Amino acid sequence: MEWEVVIGLEIHVQLATKSKIFSGSSIAFGAEPNTQASAVDLAMPGMLPVMNEEALRMAVKFGLAIDAEVSERSVFDRKNYFYPDLPKGYQISQLEYPIVKTGQVDIHLEDGTKKTIGVTRAHLEEDAGKSLHEDFHGMSGIDLNRAGTPLLEIVSEPDLRSAKEAVAYLKKIHSIVTYLGISDGDMSQGSMRCDCNVSLRPKGQEEFGTRTEIKNVNSFRFVEKAINTEIERQMYILEDGGSIEQETRLYDADKDETRSMRSKEFANDYRYFPDPDLLPIEIDQAYIEEVRQTLPELPEAKISRFCSDYGLSDTDAGILAASREQADYFEAVATKSGDAKMAANWVMGELAKYLNQNGLEISQCPVSTDALGGLIARIKDNTISGKIAKDVFDVMWTEGGEADAIIEAKGLKQVTDTGAIEAIVDEVLANNAAQVEQYRSAEEAKRGKMIGFFVGQTMKASKGKANPQQVNQILKQKLDG
């Protein structure tokens, strides 16, 4: 049987406020356990929550960024469940009246197509604390520093049809929230976490299959692996005549398997009701428009501008605009060098390679935009060849410095003097008389490949400094003459 995969994601984004959503406690990452938990966070008797207006503003920003309807009236509810890291015995969240209603985002797929994914809602809520299971000799420790951290939960429609689409959507949401500056999106620190709802149905069937939810997946790579692993598990069960149980599961990256946590709860299991300690939030269109004026240029608009202003392809523009830092870096290099296409190739090529090899983000790049822009300018004006430029870049990366100073200090300036190049070519041809004869007796169609040998020998003799275009031109003249 052919199966269709149906996926929906619930993305939890920690908002980059200075304090918690209902108290004045700091949310800075890395503090000693339980040093950032106030009496409000600990649910001490008589403590009342006070709404953090900056968290509201950030949620409105996100709603506007995805062309969603922003609610002028939203309500906080109590979601009741009992975990050791939830001091109140309930979580303050939003159910019936979220701050952000339906919206949409476009994702770009590997085959170059674009797909629109619906966003059902985005609502504000508080994060729970954290249970720690290491170093407690069979017991668990509770750290409540995270309790009360403001979260925006973004719920997609079940519009995703593969693990790759799910990752593309997750990356797009990551791009949007980081462009907006409402979250740092650092998945390794829990700033962004993802629950994956996965089900299968026979191809052509309208009705959805029974879904499972994979909780708290914290990297793009693990989201793809977890979904594919769960698809295989469900397919095996269904094709063996079994049925899928609706449940919550965990992904074990070490074993590459999902395993059952608990049967899936329904909304009525949480006994939602409006929180009596918090008034409904009421905003007006003037407030929404004021927030709209603070929106930066967003990824889709930036991609469109990169294509029109710099002549880049949709694919290249999408890669460069994936993060705000990378887009800004590229534009600065393009301006400095005066060649946007070459700047794009270097940022996506050599620079990306070095960043990946060293496990760095572009914000940590040791090569400044001025330095890389200056290097590309020297390629453009034929001071150095593209091959030598890679050597210069390596020095920039490891030792620092500007292109001109490195080229001068290491004597890397390209030889463009026609007479000097001719002398090297004459020597190469004299030393390879047999190959010259083979070239001249060969058919025209084969000569194109054969000339590469002479180019290589000439570049070797010039220690890579001869201008490649001039080398090709002079060789062709002499060999064909």
Protein backbone atom coordinates (compact mmCIF):
# COMPACT_ATOMS: atom_id res chain seq x y z
CA MET A 1 0.00 0.00 0.00
CA GLU A 2 1.12 3.55 -0.72
CA TRP A 3 1.07 5.82 2.33
CA GLU A 4 0.79 9.57 2.65
CA VAL A 5 2.59 11.21 5.57
CA VAL A 6 0.79 13.98 7.46
CA ILE A 7 2.86 16.18 9.78
CA GLY A 8 2.11 19.18 11.97
CA LEU A 9 4.59 20.97 14.20
CA GLU A 10 4.15 22.73 17.54
CA ILE A 11 7.13 25.05 17.99
CA HIS A 12 7.91 26.53 21.40
CA VAL A 13 9.93 29.76 21.14
CA GLN A 14 11.44 31.35 24.25
CA LEU A 15 10.95 35.09 23.91
CA ALA A 16 13.98 37.34 24.41
CA THR A 17 12.53 39.51 27.16
CA LYS A 18 14.72 40.54 30.09
CA SER A 19 12.33 39.14 32.68
CA LYS A 20 9.72 36.38 32.96
CA ILE A 21 6.22 36.60 31.61
CA PHE A 22 4.49 37.05 34.99
CA SER A 23 7.32 38.09 37.34
CA GLY A 24 10.41 40.29 37.42
CA SER A 25 12.88 37.37 37.60
CA SER A 26 15.71 37.28 35.06
CA ILE A 27 15.66 34.68 32.28
CA ALA A 28 19.42 34.80 31.57
CA PHE A 29 20.74 31.38 30.54
CA GLY A 30 23.36 29.55 32.60
CA ALA A 31 22.65 30.77 36.15
CA GLU A 32 23.09 28.45 39.12
CA PRO A 33 19.97 26.29 39.71
CA ASN A 34 17.08 28.00 41.49
CA THR A 35 18.78 31.40 41.71
CA GLN A 36 16.33 33.05 39.27
CA ALA A 37 13.04 31.90 40.76
CA SER A 38 11.02 34.48 42.69
CA ALA A 39 8.13 33.91 45.08
CA VAL A 40 5.77 34.28 42.09
CA ASP A 41 7.65 31.58 40.13
CA LEU A 42 7.63 29.30 43.17
CA ALA A 43 3.84 29.73 43.57
CA MET A 44 4.08 30.93 47.14
CA PRO A 45 0.71 31.71 48.77
CA GLY A 46 -0.70 35.13 47.94
CA MET A 47 1.57 35.76 44.95
CA LEU A 48 -0.17 37.16 41.86
CA PRO A 49 1.06 37.20 38.24
CA VAL A 50 1.62 40.52 36.43
CA MET A 51 1.73 40.40 32.62
CA ASN A 52 5.01 41.36 30.90
CA GLU A 53 3.96 43.82 28.16
CA GLU A 54 7.13 43.20 26.13
CA ALA A 55 6.16 39.54 25.68
CA LEU A 56 2.82 40.69 24.28
CA ARG A 57 4.53 43.10 21.90
CA MET A 58 6.81 40.32 20.63
CA ALA A 59 3.85 38.01 20.02
CA VAL A 60 2.07 40.75 18.04
CA LYS A 61 5.25 41.25 15.98
CA PHE A 62 5.27 37.57 15.06
CA GLY A 63 1.59 37.64 14.11
CA LEU A 64 2.14 40.57 11.77
CA ALA A 65 5.21 38.89 10.24
CA ILE A 66 3.17 35.86 9.11
CA ASP A 67 0.17 37.91 7.89
CA ALA A 68 -1.96 36.50 10.69
CA GLU A 69 -4.97 38.01 12.41
CA VAL A 70 -3.82 39.57 15.69
CA SER A 71 -6.52 39.35 18.36
CA GLU A 72 -7.63 42.61 19.92
CA ARG A 73 -8.83 40.52 22.87
CA SER A 74 -6.97 37.47 24.18
CA VAL A 75 -7.44 35.47 27.39
CA PHE A 76 -5.09 33.51 29.65
CA ASP A 77 -6.20 30.09 30.88
CA ARG A 78 -4.99 27.61 33.45
CA LYS A 79 -3.83 24.29 32.01
CA ASN A 80 -3.89 21.86 34.90
CA TYR A 81 -1.38 19.03 35.22
CA PHE A 82 0.94 17.78 37.94
CA TYR A 83 4.68 17.60 37.31
CA PRO A 84 7.43 18.20 39.87
CA ASP A 85 8.81 21.10 37.81
CA LEU A 86 5.43 22.90 37.69
CA PRO A 87 5.13 24.51 41.16
CA LYS A 88 1.57 25.85 40.79
CA GLY A 89 0.12 22.57 39.58
CA TYR A 90 -1.01 24.38 36.43
CA GLN A 91 0.54 26.27 33.53
CA ILE A 92 -0.75 29.67 32.46
CA SER A 93 -1.45 29.40 28.72
CA GLN A 94 -4.08 30.42 26.14
CA LEU A 95 -6.72 28.12 24.65
CA GLU A 96 -9.89 29.61 23.17
CA TYR A 97 -8.64 33.17 22.65
CA PRO A 98 -4.96 33.21 21.58
CA ILE A 99 -3.08 36.40 20.78
CA VAL A 100 -2.37 35.28 17.18
CA LYS A 101 -4.93 33.54 14.99
CA THR A 102 -4.51 31.93 11.54
CA GLY A 103 -1.57 32.94 9.36
CA GLN A 104 0.80 31.38 6.85
CA VAL A 105 4.45 31.04 5.88
CA ASP A 106 6.07 30.05 2.59
CA ILE A 107 8.82 27.43 2.53
CA HIS A 108 11.31 26.80 -0.27
CA LEU A 109 11.91 23.14 -1.11
CA GLU A 110 15.03 21.47 -2.50
CA ASP A 111 13.51 21.10 -5.99
CA GLY A 112 13.10 24.88 -6.20
CA THR A 113 9.34 24.90 -5.58
CA LYS A 114 7.58 27.00 -2.97
CA LYS A 115 4.85 25.73 -0.65
CA THR A 116 2.54 27.64 1.68
CA ILE A 117 2.09 26.19 5.17
CA GLY A 118 -0.82 27.31 7.32
CA VAL A 119 -0.28 28.44 10.90
CA THR A 120 -3.30 27.59 13.04
CA ARG A 121 -2.42 29.88 15.96
CA ALA A 122 0.36 31.25 18.13
CA HIS A 123 -0.31 31.72 21.81
CA LEU A 124 1.56 33.01 24.84
CA GLU A 125 2.31 30.80 27.82
CA GLU A 126 4.84 30.29 30.60
CA ASP A 127 7.58 27.67 30.48
CA ALA A 128 7.88 24.99 33.16
CA GLY A 129 10.98 24.32 35.24
CA LYS A 130 13.45 21.57 34.46
CA SER A 131 13.89 18.11 35.98
CA LEU A 132 17.53 17.01 36.27
CA HIS A 133 18.27 13.28 36.44
CA GLU A 134 22.07 13.14 36.47
CA ASP A 135 24.21 13.05 39.62
CA PHE A 136 21.33 12.52 42.04
CA HIS A 137 21.81 8.78 42.69
CA GLY A 138 18.40 7.50 41.61
CA MET A 139 16.60 10.75 42.43
CA SER A 140 15.73 13.84 40.37
CA GLY A 141 16.65 17.46 41.02
CA ILE A 142 14.35 20.35 40.15
CA ASP A 143 15.67 23.64 38.71
CA LEU A 144 12.99 26.34 38.59
CA ASN A 145 15.08 29.02 36.87
CA ARG A 146 13.19 28.36 33.63
CA ALA A 147 9.75 28.37 35.28
CA GLY A 148 7.84 31.40 34.03
CA THR A 149 10.05 32.10 31.01
CA PRO A 150 7.78 33.56 28.29
CA LEU A 151 6.99 31.17 25.44
CA LEU A 152 5.26 31.67 22.13
CA GLU A 153 3.80 28.35 20.98
CA ILE A 154 3.37 28.29 17.19
CA VAL A 155 1.02 25.58 15.92
CA SER A 156 1.04 24.64 12.24
CA GLU A 157 -1.76 23.17 10.18
CA PRO A 158 -1.15 19.49 9.22
CA ASP A 159 0.12 20.67 5.82
CA LEU A 160 3.58 19.07 5.89
CA ARG A 161 4.09 15.88 3.89
CA SER A 162 7.68 14.84 4.62
CA ALA A 163 10.45 15.22 7.18
CA LYS A 164 12.32 17.53 4.79
CA GLU A 165 9.28 19.81 4.50
CA ALA A 166 9.02 19.85 8.30
CA VAL A 167 12.67 20.90 8.62
CA ALA A 168 12.21 23.61 5.95
CA TYR A 169 9.21 24.96 7.87
CA LEU A 170 11.06 24.86 11.20
CA LYS A 171 14.01 26.70 9.65
CA LYS A 172 11.64 29.33 8.23
CA ILE A 173 10.05 29.94 11.64
CA HIS A 174 13.56 30.10 13.15
CA SER A 175 14.52 32.65 10.49
CA ILE A 176 11.44 34.80 11.17
CA VAL A 177 11.78 34.92 14.98
CA THR A 178 15.50 35.72 14.78
CA TYR A 179 14.96 38.40 12.11
CA LEU A 180 12.33 39.96 14.38
CA GLY A 181 14.73 39.78 17.33
CA ILE A 182 12.07 38.19 19.53
CA SER A 183 14.24 35.11 20.24
CA ASP A 184 17.84 34.05 19.75
CA GLY A 185 16.52 30.71 18.43
CA ASP A 186 19.38 28.79 20.08
CA MET A 187 18.05 25.23 20.04
CA SER A 188 21.04 23.91 22.00
CA GLN A 189 19.99 26.09 24.96
CA GLY A 190 16.29 25.29 24.64
CA SER A 191 15.33 28.68 23.20
CA MET A 192 13.42 26.84 20.50
CA ARG A 193 11.94 23.35 20.85
CA CYS A 194 9.65 21.37 18.62
CA ASP A 195 6.88 18.80 19.08
CA CYS A 196 6.24 16.73 15.93
CA ASN A 197 2.78 15.30 15.25
CA VAL A 198 3.04 12.43 12.75
CA SER A 199 0.41 10.19 11.15
CA LEU A 200 -0.01 8.03 8.04
CA ARG A 201 -3.01 7.48 5.81
CA PRO A 202 -3.51 5.48 2.60
CA LYS A 203 -2.77 7.57 -0.47
CA GLY A 204 -5.95 9.31 -1.64
CA GLN A 205 -7.77 9.01 1.70
CA GLU A 206 -9.19 12.29 3.06
CA GLU A 207 -9.50 11.23 6.69
CA PHE A 208 -6.40 11.62 8.83
CA GLY A 209 -4.78 8.62 10.48
CA THR A 210 -4.11 8.34 14.21
CA ARG A 211 -1.22 10.62 15.15
CA THR A 212 1.56 10.41 17.65
CA GLU A 213 3.40 13.37 19.13
CA ILE A 214 7.20 13.36 19.48
CA LYS A 215 8.04 15.77 22.30
CA ASN A 216 10.81 18.34 22.68
CA VAL A 217 13.07 17.70 19.70
CA ASN A 218 15.86 20.27 19.85
CA SER A 219 17.74 20.38 16.53
CA PHE A 220 16.93 20.52 12.82
CA ARG A 221 18.82 17.27 12.23
CA PHE A 222 17.00 15.43 15.00
CA VAL A 223 13.61 16.66 13.78
CA GLU A 224 14.27 15.05 10.40
CA LYS A 225 15.60 11.84 11.93
CA ALA A 226 12.83 11.58 14.55
CA ILE A 227 10.06 12.03 11.96
CA ASN A 228 11.56 9.53 9.53
CA THR A 229 12.05 7.01 12.34
CA GLU A 230 8.44 7.41 13.47
CA ILE A 231 7.18 7.09 9.88
CA GLU A 232 9.01 3.76 9.54
CA ARG A 233 7.62 2.54 12.89
CA GLN A 234 4.03 3.40 11.99
CA MET A 235 4.33 1.96 8.49
CA TYR A 236 5.64 -1.32 9.86
CA ILE A 237 2.74 -1.59 12.33
CA LEU A 238 0.05 -0.68 9.78
CA GLU A 239 1.38 -3.00 7.07
CA ASP A 240 1.48 -5.80 9.65
CA GLY A 241 -2.25 -5.31 10.27
CA GLY A 242 -1.87 -3.41 13.53
CA SER A 243 -3.18 0.00 14.58
CA ILE A 244 -1.50 3.16 15.88
CA GLU A 245 -2.18 4.35 19.41
CA GLN A 246 -2.52 8.08 19.98
CA GLU A 247 0.31 8.80 22.39
CA THR A 248 3.22 11.03 23.28
CA ARG A 249 6.67 9.67 22.41
CA LEU A 250 10.30 10.63 22.97
CA TYR A 251 13.07 10.47 20.36
CA ASP A 252 16.28 8.75 21.50
CA ALA A 253 19.02 10.08 19.20
CA ASP A 254 21.61 7.56 20.42
CA LYS A 255 19.42 4.59 19.49
CA ASP A 256 17.62 6.40 16.63
CA GLU A 257 14.22 5.30 17.90
CA THR A 258 11.06 6.78 19.33
CA ARG A 259 9.59 5.30 22.50
CA SER A 260 6.35 5.75 24.34
CA MET A 261 6.08 8.30 27.18
CA ARG A 262 2.37 8.34 27.93
CA SER A 263 -1.01 8.11 26.26
CA LYS A 264 -1.86 11.37 24.50
CA GLU A 265 -3.93 13.75 26.58
CA PHE A 266 -6.88 15.67 25.16
CA ALA A 267 -7.78 19.28 25.98
CA ASN A 268 -10.44 18.22 28.49
CA ASP A 269 -7.82 16.21 30.41
CA TYR A 270 -6.19 19.51 31.34
CA ARG A 271 -9.41 21.06 32.67
CA TYR A 272 -8.74 24.44 31.07
CA PHE A 273 -10.50 27.47 32.56
CA PRO A 274 -9.81 31.25 32.39
CA ASP A 275 -7.17 32.33 34.90
CA PRO A 276 -8.99 34.41 37.55
CA ASP A 277 -5.77 36.27 38.46
CA LEU A 278 -5.26 37.76 34.99
CA LEU A 279 -7.60 40.11 33.16
CA PRO A 280 -8.17 39.58 29.43
CA ILE A 281 -5.65 41.46 27.29
CA GLU A 282 -7.27 44.15 25.18
CA ILE A 283 -5.37 46.05 22.50
CA ASP A 284 -6.56 48.21 19.61
CA GLN A 285 -5.60 48.75 15.98
CA ALA A 286 -3.48 51.77 16.93
CA TYR A 287 -1.31 49.51 19.12
CA ILE A 288 -1.06 46.90 16.36
CA GLU A 289 -0.06 49.55 13.78
CA GLU A 290 2.53 50.96 16.17
CA VAL A 291 4.10 47.49 16.41
CA ARG A 292 3.90 47.07 12.63
CA GLN A 293 6.11 50.14 12.19
CA THR A 294 8.91 48.38 14.09
CA LEU A 295 9.05 45.33 11.78
CA PRO A 296 12.39 44.83 9.99
CA GLU A 297 12.76 43.63 6.40
CA LEU A 298 11.69 39.99 6.66
CA PRO A 299 13.21 36.94 4.90
CA GLU A 300 10.77 36.80 1.94
CA ALA A 301 11.17 40.52 1.21
CA LYS A 302 14.96 40.23 1.52
CA ILE A 303 15.06 37.24 -0.88
CA SER A 304 13.03 39.21 -3.41
CA ARG A 305 15.32 42.24 -3.08
CA PHE A 306 18.49 40.13 -3.37
CA CYS A 307 17.15 38.71 -6.65
CA SER A 308 16.17 42.09 -8.12
CA ASP A 309 19.05 44.23 -6.82
CA TYR A 310 21.92 41.74 -7.10
CA GLY A 311 20.75 39.42 -9.87
CA LEU A 312 20.91 36.34 -7.65
CA SER A 313 18.85 33.18 -8.19
CA ASP A 314 15.97 32.39 -5.82
CA THR A 315 18.00 29.50 -4.40
CA ASP A 316 21.12 31.57 -3.69
CA ALA A 317 19.10 34.46 -2.29
CA GLY A 318 17.23 32.04 -0.01
CA ILE A 319 20.48 30.59 1.35
CA LEU A 320 22.00 34.03 1.98
CA ALA A 321 18.84 35.39 3.61
CA ALA A 322 18.35 32.34 5.85
CA SER A 323 19.67 34.30 8.83
CA ARG A 324 19.75 38.02 9.42
CA GLU A 325 23.46 37.92 10.34
CA GLN A 326 24.38 36.08 7.12
CA ALA A 327 22.29 38.43 4.98
CA ASP A 328 23.94 41.49 6.57
CA TYR A 329 27.41 39.94 6.15
CA PHE A 330 26.79 39.23 2.45
CA GLU A 331 25.50 42.74 1.74
CA ALA A 332 28.49 44.35 3.44
CA VAL A 333 30.91 42.16 1.41
CA ALA A 334 29.01 42.90 -1.83
CA THR A 335 29.21 46.65 -1.17
CA LYS A 336 32.91 46.56 -0.30
CA SER A 337 33.91 44.35 -3.26
CA GLY A 338 31.60 45.85 -5.86
CA ASP A 339 30.67 42.37 -7.14
CA ALA A 340 27.56 40.86 -5.56
CA LYS A 341 27.68 37.55 -7.42
CA MET A 342 31.30 36.89 -6.48
CA ALA A 343 30.50 37.94 -2.90
CA ALA A 344 27.59 35.47 -2.83
CA ASN A 345 29.82 32.65 -4.14
CA TRP A 346 32.47 33.31 -1.49
CA VAL A 347 30.00 33.57 1.39
CA MET A 348 28.19 30.37 0.35
CA GLY A 349 31.40 28.60 -0.67
CA GLU A 350 34.79 29.12 0.97
CA LEU A 351 33.48 31.04 3.99
CA ALA A 352 30.70 28.51 4.66
CA LYS A 353 33.22 25.67 4.39
CA TYR A 354 35.51 27.20 7.01
CA LEU A 355 32.58 27.99 9.34
CA ASN A 356 31.30 24.40 9.10
CA GLN A 357 34.75 22.89 9.65
CA ASN A 358 35.22 24.97 12.79
CA GLY A 359 31.64 24.69 14.10
CA LEU A 360 31.14 28.47 14.06
CA GLU A 361 28.18 30.73 13.32
CA ILE A 362 28.71 33.63 10.94
CA SER A 363 28.48 36.02 13.89
CA GLN A 364 31.70 34.37 15.18
CA CYS A 365 33.55 34.63 11.85
CA PRO A 366 37.16 35.84 12.31
CA VAL A 367 37.24 37.34 8.78
CA SER A 368 35.61 40.77 8.68
CA THR A 369 33.35 41.90 5.85
CA ASP A 370 35.91 44.55 4.90
CA ALA A 371 38.67 41.93 4.69
CA LEU A 372 36.66 39.55 2.48
CA GLY A 373 35.34 42.41 0.35
CA GLY A 374 38.91 43.62 -0.17
CA LEU A 375 40.03 40.13 -1.16
CA ILE A 376 37.29 39.82 -3.78
CA ALA A 377 38.22 43.27 -5.14
CA ARG A 378 41.78 42.01 -5.71
CA ILE A 379 40.45 39.01 -7.68
CA LYS A 380 38.31 41.37 -9.72
CA ASP A 381 41.18 43.68 -10.69
CA ASN A 382 43.43 40.69 -11.52
CA THR A 383 45.89 41.40 -8.72
CA ILE A 384 45.53 37.73 -7.70
CA SER A 385 43.90 34.63 -9.17
CA GLY A 386 40.98 32.80 -7.60
CA LYS A 387 43.34 30.00 -6.56
CA ILE A 388 45.77 32.36 -4.81
CA ALA A 389 42.78 34.08 -3.20
CA LYS A 390 42.02 30.87 -1.33
CA ASP A 391 45.53 30.89 0.12
CA VAL A 392 45.10 34.54 1.16
CA PHE A 393 41.76 33.71 2.75
CA ASP A 394 43.37 30.91 4.76
CA VAL A 395 45.87 33.41 6.18
CA MET A 396 43.05 35.84 6.95
CA TRP A 397 41.21 33.10 8.83
CA THR A 398 44.17 31.83 10.85
CA GLU A 399 46.26 34.99 11.35
CA GLY A 400 43.97 37.91 10.50
CA GLY A 401 44.92 40.89 8.34
CA GLU A 402 43.77 42.59 5.16
CA ALA A 403 44.16 41.19 1.63
CA ASP A 404 46.57 43.84 0.33
CA ALA A 405 48.99 43.43 3.25
CA ILE A 406 48.99 39.60 2.96
CA ILE A 407 49.49 39.68 -0.82
CA GLU A 408 52.39 42.10 -0.46
CA ALA A 409 54.05 40.28 2.47
CA LYS A 410 53.89 36.87 0.81
CA GLY A 411 54.67 38.02 -2.73
CA LEU A 412 51.44 36.62 -4.14
CA LYS A 413 50.71 39.32 -6.72
CA GLN A 414 49.53 37.84 -10.00
CA VAL A 415 51.80 38.03 -13.06
CA THR A 416 49.91 39.88 -15.77
CA ASP A 417 52.89 40.99 -17.85
CA THR A 418 52.35 39.38 -21.26
CA GLY A 419 56.06 39.12 -21.99
CA ALA A 420 56.78 37.33 -18.69
CA ILE A 421 53.94 34.87 -19.27
CA GLU A 422 55.06 34.23 -22.87
CA ALA A 423 58.54 33.35 -21.62
CA ILE A 424 57.11 30.78 -19.19
CA VAL A 425 54.82 29.33 -21.90
CA ASP A 426 57.74 29.03 -24.35
CA GLU A 427 59.74 27.13 -21.74
CA VAL A 428 56.80 24.77 -21.01
CA LEU A 429 56.28 24.04 -24.72
CA ALA A 430 60.00 23.43 -25.24
CA ASN A 431 60.08 20.96 -22.33
CA ASN A 432 57.02 19.07 -23.58
CA ALA A 433 57.65 18.74 -27.31
CA ALA A 434 55.98 15.29 -27.56
CA GLN A 435 52.74 16.58 -26.00
CA VAL A 436 52.84 19.60 -28.34
CA GLU A 437 53.03 17.24 -31.32
CA GLN A 438 50.12 15.14 -29.97
CA TYR A 439 48.04 18.29 -29.53
CA ARG A 440 48.71 19.54 -33.08
CA SER A 441 47.90 16.18 -34.66
CA ALA A 442 44.67 15.78 -32.66
CA GLU A 443 41.21 16.63 -33.93
CA GLU A 444 39.84 20.07 -33.03
CA ALA A 445 37.21 18.55 -30.71
CA LYS A 446 39.87 16.89 -28.55
CA ARG A 447 42.17 19.87 -28.27
CA GLY A 448 40.00 21.61 -25.67
CA LYS A 449 40.73 18.93 -23.08
CA MET A 450 44.37 18.51 -24.06
CA ILE A 451 45.23 22.18 -23.54
CA GLY A 452 44.53 21.75 -19.84
CA PHE A 453 47.84 19.90 -19.47
CA PHE A 454 49.81 22.90 -20.74
CA VAL A 455 47.79 25.32 -18.57
CA GLY A 456 48.62 23.22 -15.52
CA GLN A 457 52.32 23.10 -16.35
CA THR A 458 52.43 26.86 -16.95
CA MET A 459 50.64 27.65 -13.67
CA LYS A 460 53.01 25.29 -11.86
CA ALA A 461 56.05 26.96 -13.40
CA SER A 462 54.71 30.40 -12.39
CA LYS A 463 53.95 29.14 -8.86
CA GLY A 464 50.28 29.91 -9.46
CA LYS A 465 50.92 33.59 -10.11
CA ALA A 466 50.28 33.78 -13.86
CA ASN A 467 46.91 35.17 -14.90
CA PRO A 468 44.92 32.06 -16.01
CA GLN A 469 43.00 33.88 -18.76
CA GLN A 470 46.21 35.21 -20.29
CA VAL A 471 47.85 31.78 -19.98
CA ASN A 472 44.98 30.15 -21.90
CA GLN A 473 45.00 32.85 -24.57
CA ILE A 474 48.79 32.74 -25.16
CA LEU A 475 48.91 28.93 -25.17
CA LYS A 476 46.14 28.71 -27.73
CA GLN A 477 47.85 31.23 -29.98
CA LYS A 478 51.20 29.40 -29.82
CA LEU A 479 49.84 25.85 -30.08
CA ASP A 480 47.44 26.61 -32.93
CA GLY A 481 49.77 29.04 -34.73
